[in-house]
Amino acid sequence: MPIHRLAEYPSREAILADLTCDCDGRIDRFTLP
């Protein structure tokens, strides 16, 4: 999760990509309530 700006509405849906030149360098599974 973000560690700040949490009093604002999170209006975007996203996945995370890292700096590596690899298609596996991504996070696209997240756990929420």
PDB file of all heavy atoms in Angstrom:
ATOM      1  N   MET A   1       0.836  -1.200   0.000  1.00  0.00           N
ATOM      2  CA  MET A   1       0.000   0.000   0.000  1.00  0.00           C
ATOM      3  C   MET A   1       0.868   1.247   0.000  1.00  0.00           C
ATOM      4  O   MET A   1       2.045   1.196   0.364  1.00  0.00           O
ATOM      5  CB  MET A   1      -0.920   0.004   1.220  1.00  0.00           C
ATOM      6  CG  MET A   1      -0.190   0.102   2.554  1.00  0.00           C
ATOM      7  SD  MET A   1      -1.285   0.136   4.003  1.00  0.00           S
ATOM      8  CE  MET A   1      -2.151   1.689   3.746  1.00  0.00           C
ATOM      9  N   PRO A   2       0.299   2.388  -0.403  1.00  0.00           N
ATOM     10  CA  PRO A   2       1.030   3.652  -0.244  1.00  0.00           C
ATOM     11  C   PRO A   2       1.195   3.943   1.245  1.00  0.00           C
ATOM     12  O   PRO A   2       0.335   3.578   2.056  1.00  0.00           O
ATOM     13  CB  PRO A   2       0.112   4.688  -0.909  1.00  0.00           C
ATOM     14  CG  PRO A   2      -0.936   3.910  -1.625  1.00  0.00           C
ATOM     15  CD  PRO A   2      -1.044   2.593  -0.974  1.00  0.00           C
ATOM     16  N   ILE A   3       2.269   4.633   1.600  1.00  0.00           N
ATOM     17  CA  ILE A   3       2.465   4.963   3.020  1.00  0.00           C
ATOM     18  C   ILE A   3       2.042   6.394   3.337  1.00  0.00           C
ATOM     19  O   ILE A   3       2.178   6.838   4.477  1.00  0.00           O
ATOM     20  CB  ILE A   3       3.921   4.729   3.450  1.00  0.00           C
ATOM     21  CG1 ILE A   3       4.872   5.713   2.752  1.00  0.00           C
ATOM     22  CG2 ILE A   3       4.334   3.294   3.197  1.00  0.00           C
ATOM     23  CD1 ILE A   3       6.261   5.757   3.366  1.00  0.00           C
ATOM     24  N   HIS A   4       1.510   7.123   2.345  1.00  0.00           N
ATOM     25  CA  HIS A   4       1.044   8.490   2.570  1.00  0.00           C
ATOM     26  C   HIS A   4      -0.058   8.808   1.560  1.00  0.00           C
ATOM     27  O   HIS A   4      -0.440   7.956   0.766  1.00  0.00           O
ATOM     28  CB  HIS A   4       2.203   9.498   2.473  1.00  0.00           C
ATOM     29  CG  HIS A   4       2.873   9.525   1.129  1.00  0.00           C
ATOM     30  ND1 HIS A   4       3.288  10.677   0.502  1.00  0.00           N
ATOM     31  CD2 HIS A   4       3.217   8.529   0.258  1.00  0.00           C
ATOM     32  CE1 HIS A   4       3.851  10.397  -0.654  1.00  0.00           C
ATOM     33  NE2 HIS A   4       3.812   9.092  -0.831  1.00  0.00           N
ATOM     34  N   ARG A   5      -0.625  10.030   1.667  1.00  0.00           N
ATOM     35  CA  ARG A   5      -1.719  10.485   0.810  1.00  0.00           C
ATOM     36  C   ARG A   5      -2.988   9.639   0.995  1.00  0.00           C
ATOM     37  O   ARG A   5      -3.843   9.557   0.119  1.00  0.00           O
ATOM     38  CB  ARG A   5      -1.299  10.504  -0.665  1.00  0.00           C
ATOM     39  CG  ARG A   5      -0.235  11.528  -0.994  1.00  0.00           C
ATOM     40  CD  ARG A   5       0.141  11.513  -2.455  1.00  0.00           C
ATOM     41  NE  ARG A   5      -1.013  11.800  -3.315  1.00  0.00           N
ATOM     42  CZ  ARG A   5      -0.988  11.731  -4.643  1.00  0.00           C
ATOM     43  NH1 ARG A   5       0.134  11.371  -5.258  1.00  0.00           N
ATOM     44  NH2 ARG A   5      -2.054  12.002  -5.346  1.00  0.00           N
ATOM     45  N   LEU A   6      -3.109   9.004   2.159  1.00  0.00           N
ATOM     46  CA  LEU A   6      -4.217   8.080   2.382  1.00  0.00           C
ATOM     47  C   LEU A   6      -5.509   8.784   2.786  1.00  0.00           C
ATOM     48  O   LEU A   6      -6.552   8.131   2.904  1.00  0.00           O
ATOM     49  CB  LEU A   6      -3.815   7.040   3.429  1.00  0.00           C
ATOM     50  CG  LEU A   6      -2.653   6.143   2.975  1.00  0.00           C
ATOM     51  CD1 LEU A   6      -2.119   5.300   4.123  1.00  0.00           C
ATOM     52  CD2 LEU A   6      -3.080   5.249   1.815  1.00  0.00           C
ATOM     53  N   ALA A   7      -5.460  10.097   2.972  1.00  0.00           N
ATOM     54  CA  ALA A   7      -6.698  10.853   3.167  1.00  0.00           C
ATOM     55  C   ALA A   7      -7.314  11.235   1.819  1.00  0.00           C
ATOM     56  O   ALA A   7      -8.376  11.852   1.777  1.00  0.00           O
ATOM     57  CB  ALA A   7      -6.432  12.103   4.000  1.00  0.00           C
ATOM     58  N   GLU A   8      -6.638  10.862   0.726  1.00  0.00           N
ATOM     59  CA  GLU A   8      -7.137  11.119  -0.627  1.00  0.00           C
ATOM     60  C   GLU A   8      -7.702   9.834  -1.225  1.00  0.00           C
ATOM     61  O   GLU A   8      -7.242   8.733  -0.914  1.00  0.00           O
ATOM     62  CB  GLU A   8      -6.003  11.621  -1.535  1.00  0.00           C
ATOM     63  CG  GLU A   8      -5.255  12.826  -1.034  1.00  0.00           C
ATOM     64  CD  GLU A   8      -4.025  13.109  -1.893  1.00  0.00           C
ATOM     65  OE1 GLU A   8      -4.064  12.796  -3.103  1.00  0.00           O
ATOM     66  OE2 GLU A   8      -3.029  13.598  -1.351  1.00  0.00           O
ATOM     67  N   TYR A   9      -8.650   9.987  -2.105  1.00  0.00           N
ATOM     68  CA  TYR A   9      -9.246   8.846  -2.789  1.00  0.00           C
ATOM     69  C   TYR A   9      -8.247   8.256  -3.785  1.00  0.00           C
ATOM     70  O   TYR A   9      -7.708   8.984  -4.637  1.00  0.00           O
ATOM     71  CB  TYR A   9     -10.508   9.282  -3.521  1.00  0.00           C
ATOM     72  CG  TYR A   9     -11.204   8.183  -4.298  1.00  0.00           C
ATOM     73  CD1 TYR A   9     -11.896   7.176  -3.638  1.00  0.00           C
ATOM     74  CD2 TYR A   9     -11.170   8.159  -5.691  1.00  0.00           C
ATOM     75  CE1 TYR A   9     -12.537   6.176  -4.345  1.00  0.00           C
ATOM     76  CE2 TYR A   9     -11.805   7.161  -6.409  1.00  0.00           C
ATOM     77  CZ  TYR A   9     -12.488   6.169  -5.724  1.00  0.00           C
ATOM     78  OH  TYR A   9     -13.116   5.177  -6.430  1.00  0.00           O
ATOM     79  N   PRO A  10      -7.956   6.946  -3.717  1.00  0.00           N
ATOM     80  CA  PRO A  10      -7.033   6.323  -4.678  1.00  0.00           C
ATOM     81  C   PRO A  10      -7.780   5.997  -5.972  1.00  0.00           C
ATOM     82  O   PRO A  10      -8.399   4.937  -6.095  1.00  0.00           O
ATOM     83  CB  PRO A  10      -6.569   5.066  -3.946  1.00  0.00           C
ATOM     84  CG  PRO A  10      -7.712   4.713  -3.038  1.00  0.00           C
ATOM     85  CD  PRO A  10      -8.394   6.009  -2.679  1.00  0.00           C
ATOM     86  N   SER A  11      -7.700   6.867  -6.927  1.00  0.00           N
ATOM     87  CA  SER A  11      -8.567   6.790  -8.104  1.00  0.00           C
ATOM     88  C   SER A  11      -8.030   5.899  -9.223  1.00  0.00           C
ATOM     89  O   SER A  11      -8.732   5.657 -10.205  1.00  0.00           O
ATOM     90  CB  SER A  11      -8.789   8.197  -8.665  1.00  0.00           C
ATOM     91  OG  SER A  11      -7.557   8.798  -9.026  1.00  0.00           O
ATOM     92  N   ARG A  12      -6.799   5.431  -9.121  1.00  0.00           N
ATOM     93  CA  ARG A  12      -6.212   4.628 -10.182  1.00  0.00           C
ATOM     94  C   ARG A  12      -6.108   3.164  -9.758  1.00  0.00           C
ATOM     95  O   ARG A  12      -5.902   2.855  -8.576  1.00  0.00           O
ATOM     96  CB  ARG A  12      -4.817   5.131 -10.567  1.00  0.00           C
ATOM     97  CG  ARG A  12      -4.741   6.610 -10.876  1.00  0.00           C
ATOM     98  CD  ARG A  12      -5.695   7.007 -11.985  1.00  0.00           C
ATOM     99  NE  ARG A  12      -5.457   6.257 -13.210  1.00  0.00           N
ATOM    100  CZ  ARG A  12      -6.322   6.199 -14.221  1.00  0.00           C
ATOM    101  NH1 ARG A  12      -7.501   6.795 -14.127  1.00  0.00           N
ATOM    102  NH2 ARG A  12      -6.020   5.515 -15.308  1.00  0.00           N
ATOM    103  N   GLU A  13      -6.263   2.252 -10.701  1.00  0.00           N
ATOM    104  CA  GLU A  13      -6.007   0.830 -10.485  1.00  0.00           C
ATOM    105  C   GLU A  13      -4.723   0.493 -11.241  1.00  0.00           C
ATOM    106  O   GLU A  13      -4.578   0.852 -12.411  1.00  0.00           O
ATOM    107  CB  GLU A  13      -7.158  -0.024 -10.996  1.00  0.00           C
ATOM    108  CG  GLU A  13      -8.446   0.146 -10.219  1.00  0.00           C
ATOM    109  CD  GLU A  13      -8.386  -0.494  -8.838  1.00  0.00           C
ATOM    110  OE1 GLU A  13      -7.553  -1.422  -8.644  1.00  0.00           O
ATOM    111  OE2 GLU A  13      -9.147  -0.082  -7.946  1.00  0.00           O
ATOM    112  N   ALA A  14      -3.807  -0.199 -10.580  1.00  0.00           N
ATOM    113  CA  ALA A  14      -2.483  -0.372 -11.181  1.00  0.00           C
ATOM    114  C   ALA A  14      -1.867  -1.710 -10.821  1.00  0.00           C
ATOM    115  O   ALA A  14      -2.256  -2.363  -9.842  1.00  0.00           O
ATOM    116  CB  ALA A  14      -1.555   0.755 -10.730  1.00  0.00           C
ATOM    117  N   ILE A  15      -0.896  -2.102 -11.630  1.00  0.00           N
ATOM    118  CA  ILE A  15       0.056  -3.132 -11.255  1.00  0.00           C
ATOM    119  C   ILE A  15       1.401  -2.446 -11.079  1.00  0.00           C
ATOM    120  O   ILE A  15       1.578  -1.292 -11.480  1.00  0.00           O
ATOM    121  CB  ILE A  15       0.136  -4.260 -12.304  1.00  0.00           C
ATOM    122  CG1 ILE A  15       0.727  -3.729 -13.618  1.00  0.00           C
ATOM    123  CG2 ILE A  15      -1.223  -4.889 -12.537  1.00  0.00           C
ATOM    124  CD1 ILE A  15       1.080  -4.835 -14.604  1.00  0.00           C
ATOM    125  N   LEU A  16       2.352  -3.147 -10.480  1.00  0.00           N
ATOM    126  CA  LEU A  16       3.675  -2.580 -10.229  1.00  0.00           C
ATOM    127  C   LEU A  16       4.714  -3.294 -11.090  1.00  0.00           C
ATOM    128  O   LEU A  16       4.732  -4.528 -11.162  1.00  0.00           O
ATOM    129  CB  LEU A  16       4.054  -2.730  -8.754  1.00  0.00           C
ATOM    130  CG  LEU A  16       3.131  -2.035  -7.748  1.00  0.00           C
ATOM    131  CD1 LEU A  16       3.534  -2.405  -6.323  1.00  0.00           C
ATOM    132  CD2 LEU A  16       3.162  -0.526  -7.932  1.00  0.00           C
ATOM    133  N   ALA A  17       5.556  -2.519 -11.741  1.00  0.00           N
ATOM    134  CA  ALA A  17       6.671  -3.069 -12.517  1.00  0.00           C
ATOM    135  C   ALA A  17       7.974  -2.604 -11.888  1.00  0.00           C
ATOM    136  O   ALA A  17       8.096  -1.443 -11.478  1.00  0.00           O
ATOM    137  CB  ALA A  17       6.588  -2.607 -13.967  1.00  0.00           C
ATOM    138  N   ASP A  18       8.952  -3.514 -11.801  1.00  0.00           N
ATOM    139  CA  ASP A  18      10.224  -3.138 -11.190  1.00  0.00           C
ATOM    140  C   ASP A  18      11.210  -2.647 -12.251  1.00  0.00           C
ATOM    141  O   ASP A  18      10.843  -2.436 -13.409  1.00  0.00           O
ATOM    142  CB  ASP A  18      10.787  -4.294 -10.360  1.00  0.00           C
ATOM    143  CG  ASP A  18      11.343  -5.437 -11.214  1.00  0.00           C
ATOM    144  OD1 ASP A  18      11.268  -5.355 -12.458  1.00  0.00           O
ATOM    145  OD2 ASP A  18      11.859  -6.419 -10.639  1.00  0.00           O
ATOM    146  N   LEU A  19      12.471  -2.489 -11.858  1.00  0.00           N
ATOM    147  CA  LEU A  19      13.476  -1.930 -12.759  1.00  0.00           C
ATOM    148  C   LEU A  19      14.132  -2.965 -13.657  1.00  0.00           C
ATOM    149  O   LEU A  19      14.878  -2.604 -14.568  1.00  0.00           O
ATOM    150  CB  LEU A  19      14.583  -1.247 -11.934  1.00  0.00           C
ATOM    151  CG  LEU A  19      14.203   0.015 -11.165  1.00  0.00           C
ATOM    152  CD1 LEU A  19      15.418   0.526 -10.396  1.00  0.00           C
ATOM    153  CD2 LEU A  19      13.675   1.092 -12.081  1.00  0.00           C
ATOM    154  N   THR A  20      13.888  -4.238 -13.405  1.00  0.00           N
ATOM    155  CA  THR A  20      14.592  -5.259 -14.169  1.00  0.00           C
ATOM    156  C   THR A  20      14.023  -5.378 -15.576  1.00  0.00           C
ATOM    157  O   THR A  20      12.850  -5.108 -15.812  1.00  0.00           O
ATOM    158  CB  THR A  20      14.497  -6.634 -13.483  1.00  0.00           C
ATOM    159  OG1 THR A  20      13.126  -7.053 -13.439  1.00  0.00           O
ATOM    160  CG2 THR A  20      15.048  -6.580 -12.074  1.00  0.00           C
ATOM    161  N   CYS A  21      14.874  -5.791 -16.479  1.00  0.00           N
ATOM    162  CA  CYS A  21      14.436  -6.017 -17.868  1.00  0.00           C
ATOM    163  C   CYS A  21      13.903  -7.433 -17.978  1.00  0.00           C
ATOM    164  O   CYS A  21      14.472  -8.290 -18.670  1.00  0.00           O
ATOM    165  CB  CYS A  21      15.598  -5.796 -18.827  1.00  0.00           C
ATOM    166  SG  CYS A  21      16.276  -4.133 -18.771  1.00  0.00           S
ATOM    167  N   ASP A  22      12.824  -7.719 -17.280  1.00  0.00           N
ATOM    168  CA  ASP A  22      12.284  -9.067 -17.230  1.00  0.00           C
ATOM    169  C   ASP A  22      10.773  -8.975 -17.129  1.00  0.00           C
ATOM    170  O   ASP A  22      10.251  -8.230 -16.291  1.00  0.00           O
ATOM    171  CB  ASP A  22      12.848  -9.817 -16.020  1.00  0.00           C
ATOM    172  CG  ASP A  22      12.632 -11.318 -16.112  1.00  0.00           C
ATOM    173  OD1 ASP A  22      11.466 -11.732 -16.256  1.00  0.00           O
ATOM    174  OD2 ASP A  22      13.614 -12.067 -16.022  1.00  0.00           O
ATOM    175  N   CYS A  23      10.072  -9.753 -17.944  1.00  0.00           N
ATOM    176  CA  CYS A  23       8.607  -9.696 -17.920  1.00  0.00           C
ATOM    177  C   CYS A  23       8.057 -10.220 -16.608  1.00  0.00           C
ATOM    178  O   CYS A  23       6.894  -9.941 -16.257  1.00  0.00           O
ATOM    179  CB  CYS A  23       8.022 -10.476 -19.094  1.00  0.00           C
ATOM    180  SG  CYS A  23       8.502 -12.216 -19.144  1.00  0.00           S
ATOM    181  N   ASP A  24       8.846 -11.000 -15.843  1.00  0.00           N
ATOM    182  CA  ASP A  24       8.397 -11.466 -14.526  1.00  0.00           C
ATOM    183  C   ASP A  24       8.606 -10.416 -13.440  1.00  0.00           C
ATOM    184  O   ASP A  24       8.189 -10.623 -12.298  1.00  0.00           O
ATOM    185  CB  ASP A  24       9.152 -12.741 -14.132  1.00  0.00           C
ATOM    186  CG  ASP A  24       8.629 -13.962 -14.858  1.00  0.00           C
ATOM    187  OD1 ASP A  24       7.486 -13.903 -15.344  1.00  0.00           O
ATOM    188  OD2 ASP A  24       9.359 -14.964 -14.948  1.00  0.00           O
ATOM    189  N   GLY A  25       9.263  -9.321 -13.765  1.00  0.00           N
ATOM    190  CA  GLY A  25       9.534  -8.285 -12.776  1.00  0.00           C
ATOM    191  C   GLY A  25       8.326  -7.390 -12.541  1.00  0.00           C
ATOM    192  O   GLY A  25       8.392  -6.170 -12.745  1.00  0.00           O
ATOM    193  N   ARG A  26       7.235  -7.999 -12.112  1.00  0.00           N
ATOM    194  CA  ARG A  26       5.995  -7.254 -11.915  1.00  0.00           C
ATOM    195  C   ARG A  26       5.229  -7.858 -10.748  1.00  0.00           C
ATOM    196  O   ARG A  26       5.385  -9.030 -10.409  1.00  0.00           O
ATOM    197  CB  ARG A  26       5.134  -7.316 -13.174  1.00  0.00           C
ATOM    198  CG  ARG A  26       4.811  -8.733 -13.602  1.00  0.00           C
ATOM    199  CD  ARG A  26       4.275  -8.811 -15.005  1.00  0.00           C
ATOM    200  NE  ARG A  26       2.860  -8.457 -15.074  1.00  0.00           N
ATOM    201  CZ  ARG A  26       2.282  -7.920 -16.141  1.00  0.00           C
ATOM    202  NH1 ARG A  26       3.004  -7.651 -17.225  1.00  0.00           N
ATOM    203  NH2 ARG A  26       0.997  -7.663 -16.162  1.00  0.00           N
ATOM    204  N   ILE A  27       4.414  -7.046 -10.137  1.00  0.00           N
ATOM    205  CA  ILE A  27       3.509  -7.525  -9.092  1.00  0.00           C
ATOM    206  C   ILE A  27       2.094  -7.272  -9.597  1.00  0.00           C
ATOM    207  O   ILE A  27       1.696  -6.121  -9.805  1.00  0.00           O
ATOM    208  CB  ILE A  27       3.736  -6.813  -7.752  1.00  0.00           C
ATOM    209  CG1 ILE A  27       5.201  -6.941  -7.313  1.00  0.00           C
ATOM    210  CG2 ILE A  27       2.820  -7.385  -6.677  1.00  0.00           C
ATOM    211  CD1 ILE A  27       5.531  -6.198  -6.029  1.00  0.00           C
ATOM    212  N   ASP A  28       1.356  -8.349  -9.812  1.00  0.00           N
ATOM    213  CA  ASP A  28      -0.014  -8.218 -10.299  1.00  0.00           C
ATOM    214  C   ASP A  28      -0.974  -9.121  -9.530  1.00  0.00           C
ATOM    215  O   ASP A  28      -2.009  -9.526 -10.034  1.00  0.00           O
ATOM    216  CB  ASP A  28      -0.095  -8.504 -11.806  1.00  0.00           C
ATOM    217  CG  ASP A  28       0.506  -9.846 -12.182  1.00  0.00           C
ATOM    218  OD1 ASP A  28       0.816 -10.645 -11.265  1.00  0.00           O
ATOM    219  OD2 ASP A  28       0.676 -10.100 -13.384  1.00  0.00           O
ATOM    220  N   ARG A  29      -0.596  -9.439  -8.293  1.00  0.00           N
ATOM    221  CA  ARG A  29      -1.488 -10.133  -7.361  1.00  0.00           C
ATOM    222  C   ARG A  29      -1.390  -9.430  -6.028  1.00  0.00           C
ATOM    223  O   ARG A  29      -0.296  -9.281  -5.465  1.00  0.00           O
ATOM    224  CB  ARG A  29      -1.106 -11.606  -7.210  1.00  0.00           C
ATOM    225  CG  ARG A  29      -1.295 -12.434  -8.476  1.00  0.00           C
ATOM    226  CD  ARG A  29      -0.784 -13.852  -8.307  1.00  0.00           C
ATOM    227  NE  ARG A  29      -1.494 -14.587  -7.279  1.00  0.00           N
ATOM    228  CZ  ARG A  29      -0.955 -15.028  -6.143  1.00  0.00           C
ATOM    229  NH1 ARG A  29       0.319 -14.779  -5.876  1.00  0.00           N
ATOM    230  NH2 ARG A  29      -1.674 -15.703  -5.268  1.00  0.00           N
ATOM    231  N   PHE A  30      -2.521  -8.984  -5.530  1.00  0.00           N
ATOM    232  CA  PHE A  30      -2.559  -8.190  -4.314  1.00  0.00           C
ATOM    233  C   PHE A  30      -3.633  -8.743  -3.383  1.00  0.00           C
ATOM    234  O   PHE A  30      -4.644  -9.285  -3.832  1.00  0.00           O
ATOM    235  CB  PHE A  30      -2.860  -6.722  -4.635  1.00  0.00           C
ATOM    236  CG  PHE A  30      -1.898  -6.116  -5.621  1.00  0.00           C
ATOM    237  CD1 PHE A  30      -2.186  -6.120  -6.984  1.00  0.00           C
ATOM    238  CD2 PHE A  30      -0.702  -5.572  -5.199  1.00  0.00           C
ATOM    239  CE1 PHE A  30      -1.310  -5.581  -7.912  1.00  0.00           C
ATOM    240  CE2 PHE A  30       0.192  -5.026  -6.117  1.00  0.00           C
ATOM    241  CZ  PHE A  30      -0.113  -5.034  -7.472  1.00  0.00           C
ATOM    242  N   THR A  31      -3.404  -8.590  -2.087  1.00  0.00           N
ATOM    243  CA  THR A  31      -4.391  -9.026  -1.114  1.00  0.00           C
ATOM    244  C   THR A  31      -5.033  -7.817  -0.449  1.00  0.00           C
ATOM    245  O   THR A  31      -4.344  -6.923   0.074  1.00  0.00           O
ATOM    246  CB  THR A  31      -3.754  -9.953  -0.059  1.00  0.00           C
ATOM    247  OG1 THR A  31      -4.739 -10.294   0.914  1.00  0.00           O
ATOM    248  CG2 THR A  31      -2.568  -9.293   0.635  1.00  0.00           C
ATOM    249  N   LEU A  32      -6.355  -7.771  -0.524  1.00  0.00           N
ATOM    250  CA  LEU A  32      -7.157  -6.733   0.109  1.00  0.00           C
ATOM    251  C   LEU A  32      -8.286  -7.419   0.875  1.00  0.00           C
ATOM    252  O   LEU A  32      -8.588  -8.597   0.628  1.00  0.00           O
ATOM    253  CB  LEU A  32      -7.736  -5.778  -0.937  1.00  0.00           C
ATOM    254  CG  LEU A  32      -6.729  -4.923  -1.719  1.00  0.00           C
ATOM    255  CD1 LEU A  32      -7.436  -4.140  -2.812  1.00  0.00           C
ATOM    256  CD2 LEU A  32      -5.973  -3.984  -0.799  1.00  0.00           C
ATOM    257  N   PRO A  33      -8.924  -6.729   1.806  1.00  0.00           N
ATOM    258  CA  PRO A  33     -10.025  -7.360   2.549  1.00  0.00           C
ATOM    259  C   PRO A  33     -11.123  -7.922   1.654  1.00  0.00           C
ATOM    260  O   PRO A  33     -11.790  -8.888   2.022  1.00  0.00           O
ATOM    261  CB  PRO A  33     -10.554  -6.218   3.428  1.00  0.00           C
ATOM    262  CG  PRO A  33      -9.370  -5.338   3.639  1.00  0.00           C
ATOM    263  CD  PRO A  33      -8.608  -5.386   2.348  1.00  0.00           C
TER     264      PRO A  33
END
